[in-house]
Amino acid sequence: MVPMERKLLRIHILPGVLSLFCCLSALPLCAQYISKGGNDATAPLHLLKPDYDTPYGETKPEEVKNTLDRVYQYLNTVTPAALVDKATNKVVDLKQANASHIFQPGDFRLISYEWGVTYTGMLEVAAATGDQKYKDYTVKRIDFIGTVAAHYKKYLEQHKDATTPVRSVLEPHALDDAGSMAAAMLKALDVGAEVSLIRPLVDHYIDYILHKEFRLQDGTLARNRPQPNTLWLDDLYMSLPALAQMGKLTGDKSYFDEALKQYQQFAGRMFNTEKGLYMHGWVQDMDPHPQFHWARANGWGLLTKVELLDVLPADYPGREEVLEKLRSHVMGLAERQDKTGFWHQLLDRNDSYLETSATAIYAYCVARAINKGWLDAKAYGPMALLAWNAVNTQVTAQGQVMGTCVGTGMGFDPAFYYYRPISNFAAHGYGPVLLAGAEIYRLLQQHPFEINDSSVQMVK
C-alpha cells in the first residue's frame, strides 16, 4: 500500500474508532446507573440518583446553622479583643497603652475591610437566626476598637509621631481603610454599639471618603495604582455602602445622591452589558482596554447594589437603574455557574480555579434579592441553594473556610489571576460565608423547596 492509500485509510477509519472509544469509555459511568436502578421495565430510571460533585437538594436550615456555628466558634477563638505588649505579649490595661502596645495577635486583624464584612455578616446571622452571640461578637469588638481609638487619639496629642494599633482608623489612607469598617459600624449602632465611641469614628471615615480620597476630574473615586487614574471595582464596596448607611442614619439624601452618582460612573465604564459582568479594573487613557472578569470583584459590585437597594426608598430617583443592573448582573452570573455550584476565579474562563469567597457573595446576594422580592424565587432559588451547598463543602470541621483567593491587586494578563494563591487564612472568605448562611437560612423559611423528578423546585 502506498503512503497516500494509508493516509486515506486512516481518515475513513478514525471516526468509527473514536465513536467506539467514546462508547467504551462511557460504559463504567452508564453501568453504575444501570446497576443501581435495574432496567426500564422494572424501575423509574429518571429517578436514579446522579453522582453529584456537590450535595444536591439537601439544604436544611439546621445544617446551615451548624456550619455558621463552626465558623463562629473558630473566629471567636482566634480574634481576641485585647491589647498586649509587643515584646512580652502580655495583656495590658488600656489606660497604660502606648506606642509599644499592639492588638493581641490572632489569625485575623480586628480592623480591615475584610473584617468589616465579617462584622456585618455576624449581625446578619444574629438577625436571621435570633442567636445573639453573633451580634455580641460584632458589638463587643467594635466598641473595643472605639475605646482604643479614643485613648490613642488623646495619646497622639502628646506623642504625635507615635505608632498606634489604630492608625487606619485615625488616619485612613485609602478606601480600604474606611468604607467597609464604616458600614459595619453604622449597622452596629443600630443594635447597641456605643454611640459616643463609634459615631465620631464613622464621621471621620465618611469625611475621608467624601473629601480626601483621590478622584478623577468628573469626581469618580479612584486610585493612582497600578496606573494613574485607575478605577477598582472593589472600591464600590469600599465606599458606597457606608454612604448609603449614613443617608439612612441621618436622613440626609445627599449621601444617597453621591452613592448613586458614584455607582453610575463606575458602571458606565466597567459593566459589560453583553456579558452581564464587570471588568475588574479600568484605567483612564488605556486603549484598547483588557477586560478580566475577576470573580470576587464582581462580588463586590453585586454586594454594593444589594446594599444600595436595601436602604434607598422605593421611589428614589436612580434606584430603578440599580435594580435593573442587579438583574442583568445576576443573569450574567447564572449563565456561568459551574456544575459544582461554584464560580471560577475568572468568570468567563472555565479552566481557572473554583473560588469560595465570590461564590459565597453571590449566594448571599441572590438569596437576599429573592427574599426582598427583587428576583424571581423559582428562577434563581435553585442557583442560590446550589451555591451555598458548594460553599458549605469548604467549611472545615474547625470552622475554617477553604478555597479563598488571597488579596488581589489589578492585573492585565490572565496568569496574574489564574495563579493567585488560596489560603484558609484569607480573611476575605469569612464575612461572605456568614452573609450567605444567614440569607440562605432566611430563604429556606420564606421560599421552601421540594424535589420534583430529582430537581430542586422552589415552592413559592
Protein backbone atom coordinates (compact mmCIF):
# COMPACT_ATOMS: atom_id res chain seq x y z
CA MET A 1 0.00 0.00 0.00
CA VAL A 2 1.42 3.38 -0.99
CA PRO A 3 1.69 6.17 1.62
CA MET A 4 -1.30 8.09 0.19
CA GLU A 5 -3.53 4.99 0.46
CA ARG A 6 -2.50 4.53 4.11
CA LYS A 7 -3.37 8.16 4.80
CA LEU A 8 -6.82 7.81 3.20
CA LEU A 9 -7.48 4.63 5.17
CA ARG A 10 -6.74 6.41 8.45
CA ILE A 11 -9.14 9.17 7.54
CA HIS A 12 -12.01 6.73 6.91
CA ILE A 13 -11.38 4.52 9.91
CA LEU A 14 -10.72 7.20 12.53
CA PRO A 15 -14.33 8.39 13.10
CA GLY A 16 -15.51 4.85 13.80
CA VAL A 17 -12.62 4.20 16.14
CA LEU A 18 -13.35 7.41 18.01
CA SER A 19 -17.03 6.51 18.33
CA LEU A 20 -16.16 3.06 19.67
CA PHE A 21 -13.66 4.57 22.11
CA CYS A 22 -16.23 7.08 23.37
CA CYS A 23 -18.82 4.35 23.92
CA LEU A 24 -16.37 2.12 25.74
CA SER A 25 -15.09 4.97 27.93
CA ALA A 26 -18.68 5.83 28.91
CA LEU A 27 -19.56 2.26 29.90
CA PRO A 28 -18.38 2.46 33.53
CA LEU A 29 -20.45 5.59 34.08
CA CYS A 30 -23.51 4.05 32.46
CA ALA A 31 -23.01 0.79 34.30
CA GLN A 32 -23.14 2.37 37.72
CA TYR A 33 -26.58 3.79 37.00
CA ILE A 34 -27.87 0.55 35.48
CA SER A 35 -26.63 -1.47 38.43
CA LYS A 36 -28.36 0.87 40.85
CA GLY A 37 -31.70 1.02 39.17
CA GLY A 38 -32.46 -2.11 37.18
CA ASN A 39 -33.94 -1.57 33.72
CA ASP A 40 -36.70 0.47 32.16
CA ALA A 41 -39.29 -2.21 32.77
CA THR A 42 -38.56 -2.65 36.48
CA ALA A 43 -37.68 0.83 37.75
CA PRO A 44 -38.32 4.54 37.06
CA LEU A 45 -34.87 5.28 35.63
CA HIS A 46 -35.45 9.05 35.68
CA LEU A 47 -35.32 8.86 39.48
CA LEU A 48 -31.84 7.30 39.63
CA LYS A 49 -29.64 9.45 41.86
CA PRO A 50 -26.80 11.14 39.96
CA ASP A 51 -23.31 11.13 41.41
CA TYR A 52 -23.11 14.89 42.12
CA ASP A 53 -19.84 16.62 42.97
CA THR A 54 -21.70 18.84 45.44
CA PRO A 55 -24.61 17.79 47.69
CA TYR A 56 -27.81 18.47 45.77
CA GLY A 57 -31.28 19.12 47.12
CA GLU A 58 -30.19 18.59 50.72
CA THR A 59 -30.14 22.12 52.12
CA LYS A 60 -31.65 22.28 55.63
CA PRO A 61 -31.85 25.28 57.99
CA GLU A 62 -30.40 23.38 60.93
CA GLU A 63 -27.41 22.29 58.87
CA VAL A 64 -26.83 25.85 57.68
CA LYS A 65 -26.83 26.99 61.31
CA ASN A 66 -24.42 24.21 62.29
CA THR A 67 -21.98 25.44 59.67
CA LEU A 68 -22.32 29.03 60.84
CA ASP A 69 -21.74 27.95 64.43
CA ARG A 70 -18.46 26.26 63.46
CA VAL A 71 -17.30 29.44 61.76
CA TYR A 72 -18.33 31.50 64.79
CA GLN A 73 -16.52 29.25 67.27
CA TYR A 74 -13.35 29.44 65.24
CA LEU A 75 -13.46 33.22 64.76
CA ASN A 76 -14.43 33.95 68.34
CA THR A 77 -11.38 31.98 69.46
CA VAL A 78 -8.81 33.41 67.05
CA THR A 79 -9.74 37.13 67.14
CA PRO A 80 -9.16 38.24 70.75
CA ALA A 81 -10.15 41.79 71.71
CA ALA A 82 -7.21 42.90 73.85
CA LEU A 83 -4.03 44.96 73.81
CA VAL A 84 -0.67 43.38 74.59
CA ASP A 85 2.91 44.49 74.97
CA LYS A 86 4.54 43.59 71.67
CA ALA A 87 7.74 42.50 73.40
CA THR A 88 6.21 40.25 76.06
CA ASN A 89 2.77 39.51 74.57
CA LYS A 90 1.25 40.21 77.99
CA VAL A 91 -2.21 41.83 78.11
CA VAL A 92 -2.04 45.47 79.24
CA ASP A 93 -4.55 47.87 80.76
CA LEU A 94 -5.80 50.29 78.14
CA LYS A 95 -5.14 53.23 80.45
CA GLN A 96 -1.42 52.48 80.22
CA ALA A 97 -1.40 51.80 76.46
CA ASN A 98 1.39 53.45 74.47
CA ALA A 99 3.40 53.02 71.29
CA SER A 100 4.81 49.69 72.45
CA HIS A 101 1.40 48.06 72.56
CA ILE A 102 -0.48 46.25 69.81
CA PHE A 103 -3.68 44.29 69.36
CA GLN A 104 -3.27 40.78 70.72
CA PRO A 105 -2.26 38.70 67.70
CA GLY A 106 -4.80 36.25 66.33
CA ASP A 107 -5.42 34.65 62.97
CA PHE A 108 -7.02 37.83 61.61
CA ARG A 109 -6.88 41.58 62.13
CA LEU A 110 -9.70 43.30 64.01
CA ILE A 111 -9.58 46.30 61.69
CA SER A 112 -9.65 45.68 57.94
CA TYR A 113 -12.10 45.91 55.09
CA GLU A 114 -12.40 42.11 55.17
CA TRP A 115 -13.34 42.22 58.84
CA GLY A 116 -15.86 44.98 58.16
CA VAL A 117 -17.65 42.37 56.04
CA THR A 118 -17.28 39.82 58.83
CA TYR A 119 -18.79 42.17 61.41
CA THR A 120 -21.71 42.77 59.06
CA GLY A 121 -22.04 39.02 58.46
CA MET A 122 -22.22 38.36 62.20
CA LEU A 123 -25.04 40.89 62.54
CA GLU A 124 -26.95 39.29 59.68
CA VAL A 125 -26.67 35.83 61.24
CA ALA A 126 -27.99 37.21 64.53
CA ALA A 127 -30.92 38.88 62.75
CA ALA A 128 -31.73 35.78 60.69
CA THR A 129 -31.42 33.13 63.40
CA GLY A 130 -32.05 35.04 66.62
CA ASP A 131 -28.74 33.83 68.06
CA GLN A 132 -27.41 36.87 69.89
CA LYS A 133 -23.85 35.64 70.31
CA TYR A 134 -23.23 36.74 66.73
CA LYS A 135 -24.41 40.27 67.45
CA ASP A 136 -22.31 40.32 70.61
CA TYR A 137 -19.23 39.36 68.62
CA THR A 138 -19.55 42.47 66.47
CA VAL A 139 -20.70 44.93 69.11
CA LYS A 140 -18.02 43.85 71.59
CA ARG A 141 -15.19 44.24 69.11
CA ILE A 142 -16.41 47.45 67.53
CA ASP A 143 -16.87 49.04 70.95
CA PHE A 144 -13.37 47.83 71.84
CA ILE A 145 -11.97 49.45 68.70
CA GLY A 146 -13.80 52.66 69.61
CA THR A 147 -12.37 52.62 73.12
CA VAL A 148 -8.83 52.03 71.86
CA ALA A 149 -9.17 54.74 69.22
CA ALA A 150 -10.41 57.28 71.78
CA HIS A 151 -7.42 56.51 74.04
CA TYR A 152 -4.83 56.81 71.27
CA LYS A 153 -6.38 59.97 69.87
CA LYS A 154 -5.55 61.63 73.19
CA TYR A 155 -2.19 59.88 73.34
CA LEU A 156 -1.20 61.30 69.95
CA GLU A 157 -1.80 64.84 71.19
CA GLN A 158 1.35 64.36 73.27
CA HIS A 159 3.18 61.89 71.01
CA LYS A 160 2.12 62.93 67.51
CA ASP A 161 4.58 60.71 65.62
CA ALA A 162 3.96 57.59 67.68
CA THR A 163 2.92 54.28 66.13
CA THR A 164 -0.51 53.07 67.22
CA PRO A 165 -2.59 49.95 66.53
CA VAL A 166 -5.45 52.14 65.24
CA ARG A 167 -3.58 54.11 62.56
CA SER A 168 -6.05 53.10 59.82
CA VAL A 169 -8.93 54.37 61.97
CA LEU A 170 -7.43 57.70 62.99
CA GLU A 171 -5.59 58.33 59.72
CA PRO A 172 -7.20 56.40 56.85
CA HIS A 173 -5.10 56.45 53.69
CA ALA A 174 -7.34 54.53 51.30
CA LEU A 175 -10.93 53.48 50.77
CA ASP A 176 -9.88 50.05 52.00
CA ASP A 177 -9.31 51.67 55.41
CA ALA A 178 -12.63 53.46 55.52
CA GLY A 179 -15.75 52.22 53.77
CA SER A 180 -16.27 48.64 54.89
CA MET A 181 -15.48 49.36 58.54
CA ALA A 182 -17.70 52.47 58.48
CA ALA A 183 -20.63 50.49 57.07
CA ALA A 184 -20.21 47.81 59.75
CA MET A 185 -20.01 50.43 62.49
CA LEU A 186 -23.16 52.16 61.24
CA LYS A 187 -25.01 48.83 61.32
CA ALA A 188 -23.63 48.09 64.78
CA LEU A 189 -25.05 51.39 66.04
CA ASP A 190 -28.50 50.02 65.17
CA VAL A 191 -28.07 47.11 67.58
CA GLY A 192 -26.39 48.66 70.58
CA ALA A 193 -22.85 49.78 69.82
CA GLU A 194 -21.78 52.73 71.97
CA VAL A 195 -22.75 55.91 70.08
CA SER A 196 -20.29 58.16 71.90
CA LEU A 197 -17.39 55.90 70.87
CA ILE A 198 -18.43 54.87 67.37
CA ARG A 199 -20.18 57.86 65.81
CA PRO A 200 -17.01 60.03 65.83
CA LEU A 201 -15.14 57.24 64.01
CA VAL A 202 -17.93 56.93 61.44
CA ASP A 203 -17.91 60.68 60.82
CA HIS A 204 -14.15 60.56 60.35
CA TYR A 205 -14.36 57.70 57.85
CA ILE A 206 -17.15 59.40 55.89
CA ASP A 207 -15.16 62.62 55.75
CA TYR A 208 -12.26 60.69 54.24
CA ILE A 209 -14.47 59.10 51.57
CA LEU A 210 -16.16 62.36 50.62
CA HIS A 211 -13.29 64.81 50.83
CA LYS A 212 -9.88 63.14 50.90
CA GLU A 213 -9.86 60.12 48.59
CA PHE A 214 -8.34 60.76 45.14
CA ARG A 215 -10.86 61.33 42.34
CA LEU A 216 -10.96 61.64 38.58
CA GLN A 217 -11.84 65.01 37.10
CA ASP A 218 -15.54 64.07 36.98
CA GLY A 219 -15.48 63.23 40.70
CA THR A 220 -15.28 59.44 40.43
CA LEU A 221 -13.44 57.83 43.35
CA ALA A 222 -10.16 56.47 42.00
CA ARG A 223 -6.62 55.33 42.75
CA ASN A 224 -3.23 56.08 41.26
CA ARG A 225 -2.08 52.48 41.22
CA PRO A 226 -1.12 50.34 39.45
CA GLN A 227 -1.52 53.07 36.83
CA PRO A 228 -2.52 56.72 37.21
CA ASN A 229 -6.27 57.42 37.24
CA THR A 230 -7.44 53.87 37.89
CA LEU A 231 -10.83 52.57 38.97
CA TRP A 232 -11.03 49.37 41.03
CA LEU A 233 -14.40 47.66 41.05
CA ASP A 234 -13.61 46.68 44.65
CA ASP A 235 -13.92 50.34 45.62
CA LEU A 236 -17.66 50.30 45.07
CA TYR A 237 -17.98 48.26 48.25
CA MET A 238 -15.21 50.19 49.99
CA SER A 239 -17.24 53.40 49.82
CA LEU A 240 -20.89 53.27 48.73
CA PRO A 241 -22.47 51.05 51.42
CA ALA A 242 -21.06 53.42 54.05
CA LEU A 243 -22.55 56.43 52.26
CA ALA A 244 -25.90 54.66 51.91
CA GLN A 245 -25.97 53.71 55.60
CA MET A 246 -25.06 57.30 56.51
CA GLY A 247 -28.02 58.51 54.47
CA LYS A 248 -30.25 56.08 56.31
CA LEU A 249 -28.94 57.17 59.71
CA THR A 250 -29.13 60.93 59.14
CA GLY A 251 -31.97 61.26 56.64
CA ASP A 252 -29.66 63.43 54.52
CA LYS A 253 -30.41 62.49 50.91
CA SER A 254 -27.10 63.95 49.69
CA TYR A 255 -25.43 60.70 50.79
CA PHE A 256 -27.81 58.70 48.60
CA ASP A 257 -27.18 61.05 45.69
CA GLU A 258 -23.42 60.74 45.97
CA ALA A 259 -23.62 56.94 46.23
CA LEU A 260 -25.82 56.74 43.12
CA LYS A 261 -23.58 59.11 41.19
CA GLN A 262 -20.53 57.02 42.02
CA TYR A 263 -22.28 53.80 41.08
CA GLN A 264 -23.41 55.17 37.73
CA GLN A 265 -19.94 56.45 36.88
CA PHE A 266 -18.30 53.15 37.79
CA ALA A 267 -20.87 51.01 35.99
CA GLY A 268 -20.80 53.18 32.89
CA ARG A 269 -17.11 52.44 32.48
CA MET A 270 -16.88 48.91 33.82
CA PHE A 271 -20.09 46.92 33.21
CA ASN A 272 -20.01 44.78 30.07
CA THR A 273 -23.66 44.75 29.02
CA GLU A 274 -23.16 41.88 26.55
CA LYS A 275 -21.70 39.54 29.16
CA GLY A 276 -23.56 40.87 32.18
CA LEU A 277 -20.22 41.11 34.02
CA TYR A 278 -17.91 43.80 35.33
CA MET A 279 -14.27 44.17 34.44
CA HIS A 280 -12.00 44.26 37.47
CA GLY A 281 -10.16 47.47 36.70
CA TRP A 282 -10.38 50.47 34.40
CA VAL A 283 -7.53 52.82 33.56
CA GLN A 284 -8.06 56.23 32.05
CA ASP A 285 -6.50 56.59 28.58
CA MET A 286 -5.82 52.84 28.25
CA ASP A 287 -6.85 51.83 24.74
CA PRO A 288 -7.71 49.11 23.98
CA HIS A 289 -8.70 48.06 27.45
CA PRO A 290 -8.22 44.40 28.56
CA GLN A 291 -11.20 43.00 30.41
CA PHE A 292 -10.62 40.48 33.16
CA HIS A 293 -13.81 39.49 34.93
CA TRP A 294 -12.40 38.59 38.33
CA ALA A 295 -14.95 36.77 40.45
CA ARG A 296 -14.55 38.49 43.82
CA ALA A 297 -14.52 41.97 42.29
CA ASN A 298 -17.83 41.08 40.64
CA GLY A 299 -18.93 40.04 44.10
CA TRP A 300 -18.11 43.48 45.50
CA GLY A 301 -20.07 45.03 42.64
CA LEU A 302 -23.10 42.82 43.24
CA LEU A 303 -22.95 43.27 47.00
CA THR A 304 -22.84 47.05 46.59
CA LYS A 305 -26.04 47.01 44.55
CA VAL A 306 -27.75 44.95 47.26
CA GLU A 307 -26.57 47.39 49.92
CA LEU A 308 -27.93 50.35 47.96
CA LEU A 309 -31.26 48.69 47.28
CA ASP A 310 -31.57 47.77 50.96
CA VAL A 311 -31.69 51.42 52.06
CA LEU A 312 -32.84 53.54 49.11
CA PRO A 313 -36.54 54.47 49.29
CA ALA A 314 -38.59 52.50 46.77
CA ASP A 315 -39.33 55.54 44.60
CA TYR A 316 -35.93 57.20 44.90
CA PRO A 317 -34.59 58.56 41.57
CA GLY A 318 -31.87 56.23 40.26
CA ARG A 319 -32.90 53.22 42.32
CA GLU A 320 -34.58 51.53 39.35
CA GLU A 321 -31.32 51.69 37.39
CA VAL A 322 -29.51 49.89 40.20
CA LEU A 323 -32.25 47.25 40.29
CA GLU A 324 -32.02 46.67 36.55
CA LYS A 325 -28.24 46.35 36.76
CA LEU A 326 -28.67 43.83 39.58
CA ARG A 327 -30.92 41.70 37.40
CA SER A 328 -28.60 41.93 34.39
CA HIS A 329 -25.61 41.06 36.55
CA VAL A 330 -27.31 38.05 38.14
CA MET A 331 -28.35 36.81 34.72
CA GLY A 332 -24.75 37.03 33.54
CA LEU A 333 -23.57 35.16 36.62
CA ALA A 334 -26.26 32.49 36.31
CA GLU A 335 -25.01 31.61 32.84
CA ARG A 336 -21.54 30.96 34.24
CA GLN A 337 -22.22 28.97 37.40
CA ASP A 338 -20.18 25.78 37.35
CA LYS A 339 -21.87 22.38 37.67
CA THR A 340 -20.42 22.15 41.18
CA GLY A 341 -22.25 25.31 42.27
CA PHE A 342 -19.07 27.40 42.41
CA TRP A 343 -17.92 30.15 40.10
CA HIS A 344 -14.48 30.35 38.55
CA GLN A 345 -11.74 32.78 39.56
CA LEU A 346 -12.12 34.39 36.14
CA LEU A 347 -15.82 34.12 35.49
CA ASP A 348 -15.66 33.52 31.76
CA ARG A 349 -12.64 31.19 31.82
CA ASN A 350 -13.65 27.74 32.96
CA ASP A 351 -10.10 26.47 33.26
CA SER A 352 -9.43 28.94 36.09
CA TYR A 353 -9.96 27.53 39.56
CA LEU A 354 -13.22 27.45 41.51
CA GLU A 355 -13.26 30.14 44.19
CA THR A 356 -15.11 30.20 47.52
CA SER A 357 -15.44 33.85 48.59
CA ALA A 358 -17.03 35.02 45.35
CA THR A 359 -19.40 32.05 45.34
CA ALA A 360 -20.46 32.92 48.90
CA ILE A 361 -21.06 36.57 47.98
CA TYR A 362 -23.23 35.53 45.03
CA ALA A 363 -25.16 33.08 47.20
CA TYR A 364 -25.87 35.87 49.68
CA CYS A 365 -26.81 38.50 47.12
CA VAL A 366 -29.08 36.26 45.06
CA ALA A 367 -30.82 34.89 48.16
CA ARG A 368 -31.18 38.41 49.56
CA ALA A 369 -32.63 39.69 46.30
CA ILE A 370 -35.13 36.82 46.25
CA ASN A 371 -36.12 37.40 49.87
CA LYS A 372 -36.61 41.11 49.16
CA GLY A 373 -38.72 40.44 46.07
CA TRP A 374 -36.22 41.81 43.56
CA LEU A 375 -35.59 38.46 41.84
CA ASP A 376 -37.88 35.55 40.99
CA ALA A 377 -37.53 32.78 43.55
CA LYS A 378 -38.43 29.99 41.16
CA ALA A 379 -35.86 31.15 38.61
CA TYR A 380 -32.94 31.85 40.93
CA GLY A 381 -33.61 29.99 44.19
CA PRO A 382 -32.01 26.72 42.97
CA MET A 383 -28.93 28.68 41.85
CA ALA A 384 -28.53 30.21 45.32
CA LEU A 385 -29.04 26.89 47.12
CA LEU A 386 -26.53 25.11 44.91
CA ALA A 387 -24.04 27.91 45.55
CA TRP A 388 -24.49 27.58 49.31
CA ASN A 389 -24.11 23.80 49.14
CA ALA A 390 -20.84 24.34 47.31
CA VAL A 391 -19.60 26.87 49.86
CA ASN A 392 -20.63 24.54 52.68
CA THR A 393 -18.20 21.89 51.41
CA GLN A 394 -15.37 24.36 52.01
CA VAL A 395 -16.02 24.92 55.73
CA THR A 396 -13.85 22.58 57.77
CA ALA A 397 -14.82 20.84 60.98
CA GLN A 398 -12.80 23.52 62.81
CA GLY A 399 -14.73 26.34 61.08
CA GLN A 400 -12.04 27.46 58.67
CA VAL A 401 -13.01 28.47 55.14
CA MET A 402 -11.03 26.83 52.35
CA GLY A 403 -10.59 27.81 48.72
CA THR A 404 -10.46 31.59 49.10
CA CYS A 405 -8.24 33.68 46.86
CA VAL A 406 -5.84 35.89 48.82
CA GLY A 407 -5.84 39.69 48.48
CA THR A 408 -5.52 40.61 44.83
CA GLY A 409 -4.46 43.78 43.07
CA MET A 410 -5.15 44.54 39.45
CA GLY A 411 -3.53 42.79 36.50
CA PHE A 412 -3.68 42.93 32.73
CA ASP A 413 -2.75 39.37 31.84
CA PRO A 414 -4.53 36.09 32.63
CA ALA A 415 -1.66 34.45 34.52
CA PHE A 416 -1.92 37.04 37.28
CA TYR A 417 -5.45 35.90 38.14
CA TYR A 418 -5.04 32.20 37.37
CA TYR A 419 -2.17 31.76 39.80
CA ARG A 420 -3.29 33.85 42.77
CA PRO A 421 -2.83 31.63 45.84
CA ILE A 422 -5.65 30.41 48.04
CA SER A 423 -5.49 30.18 51.83
CA ASN A 424 -7.62 29.27 54.83
CA PHE A 425 -6.27 32.48 56.35
CA ALA A 426 -7.50 34.71 53.54
CA ALA A 427 -9.82 36.92 55.60
CA HIS A 428 -11.98 37.61 52.54
CA GLY A 429 -13.77 34.27 52.89
CA TYR A 430 -15.31 34.56 56.33
CA GLY A 431 -17.68 37.51 56.07
CA PRO A 432 -19.17 36.25 52.79
CA VAL A 433 -19.77 32.78 54.28
CA LEU A 434 -21.58 34.32 57.27
CA LEU A 435 -23.66 36.53 54.98
CA ALA A 436 -24.51 33.64 52.68
CA GLY A 437 -25.51 31.33 55.52
CA ALA A 438 -27.70 34.00 57.10
CA GLU A 439 -29.61 34.72 53.91
CA ILE A 440 -29.92 31.10 52.84
CA TYR A 441 -31.38 30.41 56.30
CA ARG A 442 -34.00 33.07 55.59
CA LEU A 443 -34.56 31.77 52.06
CA LEU A 444 -35.38 28.30 53.32
CA GLN A 445 -38.01 29.77 55.63
CA GLN A 446 -39.58 32.16 53.13
CA HIS A 447 -39.24 30.05 49.99
CA PRO A 448 -39.21 26.33 50.79
CA PHE A 449 -38.24 23.93 48.05
CA GLU A 450 -39.25 20.44 47.02
CA ILE A 451 -37.69 17.81 44.80
CA ASN A 452 -39.60 17.09 41.60
CA ASP A 453 -38.17 14.49 39.22
CA SER A 454 -34.90 14.86 41.18
CA SER A 455 -34.62 18.62 40.58
CA VAL A 456 -34.83 21.44 43.11
CA GLN A 457 -38.04 23.41 42.63
CA MET A 458 -38.97 26.43 44.75
CA VAL A 459 -42.49 26.04 46.10
CA LYS A 460 -43.23 29.79 46.25
